[in-house]
């Protein structure tokens, strides 16, 4: 056995070099195959990249050529709002008549106070020539208020201004000449923030607008001036807290209703002078079940710290809860009867000042509006 092994070793050592080369050739062949595959793979990758480049270039030209079509599609697509996009809240705009009305008020005030030698004071409002013959300060505007502003044509306004006029007397003092009305034509140009205004002529003094007789209010039942009615008592207590600082408002208001008292407190006490409501005459003094509502029109005399008394009227909404009335609203304006409309007053006359009397001071007009 040992002899056989030694013989095999000798035969292996005596193998010729060619045999060794032949034995290693398959390994070399396998390596060459790998190298060839790698070479082919790189060549294939390069060709692929070249193909992708050509494809991308063609795609770019196709995109350029289809640009107008895409633009048209985008235009039509944008015409329909996206469902998920919330609609923008419109911006709050002030009334377009505010500027012309304010300009007309200033112009009328300057016009009334101007006189001989001060015509240049009207130049900021009116560029035409003006020759005044009366002394400056003959009249003065105590207060001015635009009563009507109507756009005659785009950018052109007709504004009517009410003025409480003070007139200078021969003795040098001023007397109240009542409320007078002047109409002004105003042109405006520009946009918001860059508006410009001018008057096309001097003011025209015009007749007062007609007065109206108000329609009936929605409080047909009178409850007098007492507080025996629980609703009247609640209203009185609420107004004492509201304008006279007597008590807390929360004691008299419905849950969830938040009202603030008048501050600083203007009055020291109040007195009911009249209560009207929208309930039936036989409503009685018993508070109804929860949720029943009533509207009250409450008139009071309010007295200040100096003992001066002033009449005031409030429109209140009351709601019953837990056997008592509570104030559920302080209404913006008294309710009107649905079937009653305002009408022209007999011998209609516009608001006017009291009969002429000397103004305080007697020698100089009060400050302008």
Protein backbone atom coordinates (compact mmCIF):
# COMPACT_ATOMS: atom_id res chain seq x y z
CA UNK A 1 0.00 0.00 0.00
CA UNK A 2 2.79 2.32 0.94
CA UNK A 3 4.64 1.44 -2.24
CA UNK A 4 1.61 2.39 -4.35
CA UNK A 5 1.40 5.80 -2.75
CA UNK A 6 5.07 6.58 -3.27
CA UNK A 7 4.71 5.57 -6.98
CA UNK A 8 1.79 7.94 -7.45
CA UNK A 9 3.73 10.83 -5.98
CA UNK A 10 6.64 10.23 -8.35
CA UNK A 11 4.34 10.11 -11.37
CA UNK A 12 2.74 13.43 -10.35
CA UNK A 13 6.11 15.12 -9.99
CA UNK A 14 7.18 13.83 -13.40
CA UNK A 15 4.12 15.42 -15.26
CA UNK A 16 5.31 17.60 -18.18
CA UNK A 17 4.73 21.34 -18.21
CA UNK A 18 2.31 20.95 -21.09
CA UNK A 19 0.07 18.95 -18.92
CA UNK A 20 0.06 21.69 -16.33
CA UNK A 21 -0.73 24.25 -19.02
CA UNK A 22 -3.54 22.09 -20.32
CA UNK A 23 -4.91 21.76 -16.82
CA UNK A 24 -4.89 25.56 -16.21
CA UNK A 25 -6.36 26.43 -19.66
CA UNK A 26 -10.00 26.01 -18.64
CA UNK A 27 -9.48 28.47 -15.81
CA UNK A 28 -7.96 30.98 -18.21
CA UNK A 29 -10.81 30.41 -20.63
CA UNK A 30 -13.34 31.11 -17.91
CA UNK A 31 -11.52 34.37 -17.02
CA UNK A 32 -11.51 35.42 -20.68
CA UNK A 33 -15.25 34.73 -20.85
CA UNK A 34 -15.81 36.94 -17.84
CA UNK A 35 -13.68 39.73 -19.34
CA UNK A 36 -15.56 39.42 -22.64
CA UNK A 37 -18.89 39.60 -20.87
CA UNK A 38 -17.80 42.70 -18.94
CA UNK A 39 -16.56 44.29 -22.14
CA UNK A 40 -19.81 43.47 -23.91
CA UNK A 41 -21.76 44.73 -20.92
CA UNK A 42 -20.03 48.16 -20.95
CA UNK A 43 -20.52 48.39 -24.70
CA UNK A 44 -24.18 47.54 -24.21
CA UNK A 45 -24.53 50.14 -21.43
CA UNK A 46 -22.93 52.81 -23.61
CA UNK A 47 -25.22 52.00 -26.46
CA UNK A 48 -28.18 52.08 -24.07
CA UNK A 49 -27.17 55.47 -22.75
CA UNK A 50 -26.80 56.78 -26.27
CA UNK A 51 -30.28 55.49 -27.02
CA UNK A 52 -31.71 57.12 -23.92
CA UNK A 53 -30.03 60.39 -24.89
CA UNK A 54 -31.65 60.26 -28.33
CA UNK A 55 -34.98 59.42 -26.72
CA UNK A 56 -34.72 62.30 -24.25
CA UNK A 57 -33.77 64.66 -27.07
CA UNK A 58 -36.78 63.58 -29.06
CA UNK A 59 -39.00 63.98 -26.02
CA UNK A 60 -37.73 67.52 -25.48
CA UNK A 61 -38.54 68.51 -29.06
CA UNK A 62 -41.95 66.92 -28.70
CA UNK A 63 -42.56 68.90 -25.52
CA UNK A 64 -41.54 72.15 -27.23
CA UNK A 65 -43.76 71.41 -30.18
CA UNK A 66 -46.74 70.68 -27.92
CA UNK A 67 -46.22 73.79 -25.76
CA UNK A 68 -49.11 75.84 -27.27
CA UNK A 69 -51.48 72.89 -26.90
CA UNK A 70 -50.51 72.43 -23.25
CA UNK A 71 -51.01 76.17 -22.67
CA UNK A 72 -54.52 76.03 -24.11
CA UNK A 73 -55.35 73.00 -21.99
CA UNK A 74 -54.05 74.78 -18.87
CA UNK A 75 -56.12 77.84 -19.71
CA UNK A 76 -59.33 75.85 -20.02
CA UNK A 77 -58.43 73.78 -17.00
CA UNK A 78 -57.89 76.87 -14.85
CA UNK A 79 -61.36 78.19 -15.68
CA UNK A 80 -62.91 75.61 -13.34
CA UNK A 81 -62.11 76.25 -9.65
CA UNK A 82 -60.50 73.42 -7.73
CA UNK A 83 -62.99 71.67 -5.50
CA UNK A 84 -60.57 71.60 -2.57
CA UNK A 85 -59.75 75.30 -2.72
CA UNK A 86 -61.78 77.53 -0.42
CA UNK A 87 -63.36 80.56 -2.02
CA UNK A 88 -61.65 83.83 -1.16
CA UNK A 89 -63.62 86.13 1.14
CA UNK A 90 -64.48 89.38 -0.66
CA UNK A 91 -62.64 92.39 0.71
CA UNK A 92 -64.75 94.79 2.65
CA UNK A 93 -65.07 98.05 0.74
CA UNK A 94 -66.14 101.39 2.11
CA UNK A 95 -68.97 103.28 0.44
CA UNK A 96 -67.82 105.03 -2.73
CA UNK A 97 -69.73 108.16 -1.68
CA UNK A 98 -67.69 108.70 1.51
CA UNK A 99 -64.93 110.72 -0.18
CA UNK A 100 -67.16 113.04 -2.23
CA UNK A 101 -69.48 113.59 0.76
CA UNK A 102 -66.61 114.50 3.08
CA UNK A 103 -65.08 116.80 0.46
CA UNK A 104 -68.42 118.59 -0.02
CA UNK A 105 -68.78 119.11 3.75
CA UNK A 106 -65.35 120.74 3.94
CA UNK A 107 -66.06 122.89 0.91
CA UNK A 108 -69.40 124.17 2.24
CA UNK A 109 -67.83 124.96 5.63
CA UNK A 110 -65.02 126.94 3.97
CA UNK A 111 -67.49 128.69 1.63
CA UNK A 112 -69.70 129.92 4.49
CA UNK A 113 -66.78 131.36 6.45
CA UNK A 114 -64.97 132.97 3.49
CA UNK A 115 -65.41 136.62 2.54
CA UNK A 116 -63.78 139.52 0.78
CA UNK A 117 -60.02 139.10 0.90
CA UNK A 118 -60.13 135.39 1.84
CA UNK A 119 -61.30 133.94 -1.46
CA UNK A 120 -58.05 131.97 -1.65
CA UNK A 121 -59.38 129.72 1.13
CA UNK A 122 -61.68 128.19 -1.47
CA UNK A 123 -58.85 127.30 -3.89
CA UNK A 124 -58.31 123.78 -2.47
CA UNK A 125 -61.93 123.00 -3.33
CA UNK A 126 -62.81 125.09 -6.37
CA UNK A 127 -60.44 126.38 -9.07
CA UNK A 128 -62.81 128.90 -10.65
CA UNK A 129 -62.65 132.64 -10.06
CA UNK A 130 -64.48 133.90 -6.96
CA UNK A 131 -65.18 137.51 -5.98
CA UNK A 132 -66.85 137.93 -2.56
CA UNK A 133 -68.11 141.29 -1.32
CA UNK A 134 -69.25 140.48 2.23
CA UNK A 135 -66.82 140.55 5.17
CA UNK A 136 -65.11 137.29 6.07
CA UNK A 137 -66.70 135.61 9.09
CA UNK A 138 -70.19 136.91 8.36
CA UNK A 139 -71.38 133.31 8.60
CA UNK A 140 -69.92 130.24 10.22
CA UNK A 141 -70.69 126.52 10.05
CA UNK A 142 -71.46 125.18 13.52
CA UNK A 143 -71.97 121.65 12.22
CA UNK A 144 -72.10 120.07 8.77
CA UNK A 145 -73.57 116.74 7.71
CA UNK A 146 -73.89 115.17 4.27
CA UNK A 147 -77.55 114.24 3.82
CA UNK A 148 -77.40 112.74 0.34
CA UNK A 149 -74.70 111.75 -2.16
CA UNK A 150 -75.81 110.62 -5.61
CA UNK A 151 -73.50 109.61 -8.46
CA UNK A 152 -74.84 111.49 -11.49
CA UNK A 153 -72.34 109.82 -13.83
CA UNK A 154 -69.14 107.82 -13.26
CA UNK A 155 -66.89 109.90 -11.02
CA UNK A 156 -69.36 112.82 -10.79
CA UNK A 157 -71.40 113.29 -7.61
CA UNK A 158 -74.23 115.51 -6.43
CA UNK A 159 -73.90 115.99 -2.65
CA UNK A 160 -76.41 117.73 -0.40
CA UNK A 161 -74.97 119.07 2.86
CA UNK A 162 -76.96 120.22 5.91
CA UNK A 163 -75.32 123.01 7.90
CA UNK A 164 -76.20 124.51 11.25
CA UNK A 165 -75.29 128.11 10.42
CA UNK A 166 -74.23 130.81 12.87
CA UNK A 167 -74.72 134.39 11.57
CA UNK A 168 -72.82 137.40 12.84
CA UNK A 169 -75.05 140.18 14.12
CA UNK A 170 -74.47 143.91 13.80
CA UNK A 171 -73.45 143.99 17.45
CA UNK A 172 -70.64 141.54 16.78
CA UNK A 173 -72.12 138.46 18.37
CA UNK A 174 -73.29 135.34 16.64
CA UNK A 175 -76.81 133.97 16.50
CA UNK A 176 -78.03 130.57 15.40
CA UNK A 177 -79.43 130.93 11.87
CA UNK A 178 -80.85 127.41 11.80
CA UNK A 179 -80.16 124.46 9.55
CA UNK A 180 -79.57 125.33 5.90
CA UNK A 181 -78.95 123.05 2.94
CA UNK A 182 -76.37 123.37 0.14
CA UNK A 183 -75.82 121.18 -2.91
CA UNK A 184 -72.38 120.68 -4.46
CA UNK A 185 -71.24 119.01 -7.69
CA UNK A 186 -68.05 117.03 -7.02
CA UNK A 187 -65.80 115.27 -9.50
CA UNK A 188 -63.38 112.53 -8.39
CA UNK A 189 -60.52 110.76 -10.14
CA UNK A 190 -57.91 108.16 -9.27
CA UNK A 191 -58.02 104.89 -7.35
CA UNK A 192 -58.23 104.01 -3.68
CA UNK A 193 -55.47 105.83 -1.80
CA UNK A 194 -54.85 108.32 -4.61
CA UNK A 195 -58.28 109.90 -4.99
CA UNK A 196 -58.52 113.55 -5.96
CA UNK A 197 -61.62 115.76 -5.76
CA UNK A 198 -62.77 119.09 -7.08
CA UNK A 199 -65.99 121.09 -7.05
CA UNK A 200 -67.32 122.09 -10.45
CA UNK A 201 -68.99 125.27 -9.14
CA UNK A 202 -69.81 127.19 -6.00
CA UNK A 203 -72.47 125.63 -3.71
CA UNK A 204 -76.16 126.09 -4.45
CA UNK A 205 -78.47 126.72 -1.49
CA UNK A 206 -81.50 124.43 -1.82
CA UNK A 207 -84.76 123.66 -0.05
CA UNK A 208 -84.81 121.26 2.85
CA UNK A 209 -85.79 117.65 2.15
CA UNK A 210 -89.32 116.67 3.07
CA UNK A 211 -89.93 115.42 6.58
CA UNK A 212 -91.58 112.05 7.17
CA UNK A 213 -94.10 110.80 9.66
CA UNK A 214 -92.74 107.49 11.01
CA UNK A 215 -94.68 104.28 10.64
CA UNK A 216 -96.18 102.52 13.63
CA UNK A 217 -93.84 100.66 15.94
CA UNK A 218 -94.23 97.03 16.87
CA UNK A 219 -95.18 97.65 20.52
CA UNK A 220 -98.98 98.02 20.55
CA UNK A 221 -99.52 97.48 24.29
CA UNK A 222 -98.73 100.14 26.90
CA UNK A 223 -97.65 99.03 30.38
CA UNK A 224 -97.44 102.52 31.87
CA UNK A 225 -94.51 103.68 33.96
CA UNK A 226 -94.74 101.26 36.89
CA UNK A 227 -92.75 98.12 37.68
CA UNK A 228 -95.60 95.84 38.82
CA UNK A 229 -95.21 93.90 35.58
CA UNK A 230 -92.20 91.53 36.04
CA UNK A 231 -90.98 92.37 32.53
CA UNK A 232 -90.97 96.11 33.31
CA UNK A 233 -89.18 95.45 36.59
CA UNK A 234 -86.46 93.45 34.80
CA UNK A 235 -86.04 96.22 32.21
CA UNK A 236 -85.74 98.90 34.91
CA UNK A 237 -83.15 96.90 36.87
CA UNK A 238 -81.17 96.17 33.72
CA UNK A 239 -81.04 99.85 32.66
CA UNK A 240 -80.00 100.93 36.17
CA UNK A 241 -77.02 98.63 35.85
CA UNK A 242 -76.40 99.58 32.22
CA UNK A 243 -76.29 103.40 32.42
CA UNK A 244 -76.24 104.17 36.16
CA UNK A 245 -73.82 101.54 37.45
CA UNK A 246 -76.28 100.08 39.94
CA UNK A 247 -75.74 96.32 40.06
CA UNK A 248 -74.29 93.73 37.69
CA UNK A 249 -75.73 93.21 34.22
CA UNK A 250 -75.30 89.42 34.45
CA UNK A 251 -78.03 89.29 37.08
CA UNK A 252 -80.58 90.44 34.51
CA UNK A 253 -79.40 88.85 31.24
CA UNK A 254 -80.00 85.41 29.74
CA UNK A 255 -77.22 82.80 29.86
CA UNK A 256 -74.78 83.32 27.02
CA UNK A 257 -75.74 86.99 26.55
CA UNK A 258 -72.76 89.26 27.15
CA UNK A 259 -73.38 93.01 27.37
CA UNK A 260 -71.06 95.68 28.75
CA UNK A 261 -72.26 98.68 30.78
CA UNK A 262 -71.71 102.24 29.60
CA UNK A 263 -68.31 103.40 30.92
CA UNK A 264 -67.69 105.89 32.40
CA UNK A 265 -71.08 105.75 34.07
CA UNK A 266 -73.00 108.78 32.70
CA UNK A 267 -75.92 108.86 35.15
CA UNK A 268 -76.57 108.38 38.82
CA UNK A 269 -80.19 107.23 38.60
CA UNK A 270 -82.99 106.42 36.17
CA UNK A 271 -86.78 106.53 36.29
CA UNK A 272 -89.19 104.63 34.05
CA UNK A 273 -91.52 106.95 32.17
CA UNK A 274 -93.11 104.50 29.69
CA UNK A 275 -93.05 100.81 28.83
CA UNK A 276 -94.63 99.35 25.69
CA UNK A 277 -94.52 95.75 24.54
CA UNK A 278 -95.77 93.42 21.82
CA UNK A 279 -97.87 91.15 24.07
CA UNK A 280 -101.65 91.03 24.48
CA UNK A 281 -103.49 93.38 26.87
CA UNK A 282 -104.43 90.44 29.07
CA UNK A 283 -100.84 89.17 29.37
CA UNK A 284 -101.07 89.48 33.15
CA UNK A 285 -98.23 89.67 35.64
CA UNK A 286 -97.37 85.99 35.77
CA UNK A 287 -94.15 84.94 34.03
CA UNK A 288 -94.90 82.32 31.35
CA UNK A 289 -93.00 79.11 30.67
CA UNK A 290 -89.37 78.95 29.63
CA UNK A 291 -88.53 80.26 26.18
CA UNK A 292 -91.44 82.71 25.77
CA UNK A 293 -90.18 86.00 24.31
CA UNK A 294 -91.33 89.62 24.52
CA UNK A 295 -90.16 92.88 22.96
CA UNK A 296 -90.17 96.03 25.07
CA UNK A 297 -89.75 99.70 24.20
CA UNK A 298 -88.63 101.36 27.43
CA UNK A 299 -88.43 105.14 27.94
CA UNK A 300 -86.56 106.54 30.95
CA UNK A 301 -85.45 109.80 32.47
CA UNK A 302 -81.75 109.56 33.31
CA UNK A 303 -80.27 111.98 35.85
CA UNK A 304 -76.57 112.88 35.92
CA UNK A 305 -74.37 113.93 38.84
CA UNK A 306 -75.32 117.61 38.36
CA UNK A 307 -79.02 116.89 38.61
CA UNK A 308 -79.71 117.28 34.89
CA UNK A 309 -82.30 114.87 33.51
CA UNK A 310 -82.28 113.50 29.96
CA UNK A 311 -84.91 111.30 28.25
CA UNK A 312 -83.69 108.07 26.64
CA UNK A 313 -85.44 105.15 24.92
CA UNK A 314 -84.25 101.53 24.66
CA UNK A 315 -85.55 98.57 22.66
CA UNK A 316 -85.09 95.33 24.60
CA UNK A 317 -85.77 91.67 23.95
CA UNK A 318 -86.79 89.56 26.98
CA UNK A 319 -86.99 85.78 27.38
CA UNK A 320 -88.69 83.86 30.19
CA UNK A 321 -86.61 81.35 32.16
CA UNK A 322 -87.05 79.70 35.55
CA UNK A 323 -90.01 81.86 36.51
CA UNK A 324 -88.50 85.25 35.66
CA UNK A 325 -87.83 87.52 32.71
CA UNK A 326 -84.26 88.01 31.47
CA UNK A 327 -82.86 90.46 28.94
CA UNK A 328 -81.81 88.46 25.89
CA UNK A 329 -81.01 91.36 23.54
CA UNK A 330 -80.36 95.08 23.44
CA UNK A 331 -81.81 95.79 20.00
CA UNK A 332 -80.14 98.07 17.46
CA UNK A 333 -83.41 99.87 16.71
CA UNK A 334 -87.04 99.68 17.79
CA UNK A 335 -89.14 97.13 15.90
CA UNK A 336 -91.60 98.51 13.38
CA UNK A 337 -95.02 97.18 12.52
CA UNK A 338 -94.85 95.01 9.42
CA UNK A 339 -97.82 96.72 7.73
CA UNK A 340 -96.93 100.32 8.58
CA UNK A 341 -94.75 102.48 6.34
CA UNK A 342 -93.46 106.05 6.82
CA UNK A 343 -95.39 108.81 5.07
CA UNK A 344 -95.00 112.50 4.31
CA UNK A 345 -95.71 114.63 7.34
CA UNK A 346 -98.43 117.30 7.06
CA UNK A 347 -96.93 120.68 6.24
CA UNK A 348 -93.60 118.90 5.98
CA UNK A 349 -90.64 120.82 7.24
CA UNK A 350 -87.03 119.76 7.49
CA UNK A 351 -85.19 119.67 10.81
CA UNK A 352 -84.14 123.12 11.88
CA UNK A 353 -82.41 124.75 14.77
CA UNK A 354 -84.30 126.59 17.50
CA UNK A 355 -85.10 130.25 17.02
CA UNK A 356 -82.03 132.46 16.74
CA UNK A 357 -80.34 133.21 20.02
CA UNK A 358 -76.94 134.47 20.96
CA UNK A 359 -74.30 131.78 20.92
CA UNK A 360 -72.16 131.22 24.02
CA UNK A 361 -69.46 133.86 24.21
CA UNK A 362 -71.43 136.26 22.04
CA UNK A 363 -68.43 137.54 20.12
CA UNK A 364 -66.90 134.62 18.23
CA UNK A 365 -68.44 131.72 16.36
CA UNK A 366 -68.13 128.25 17.81
CA UNK A 367 -65.53 126.00 16.30
CA UNK A 368 -66.38 124.44 12.95
CA UNK A 369 -67.76 120.95 12.46
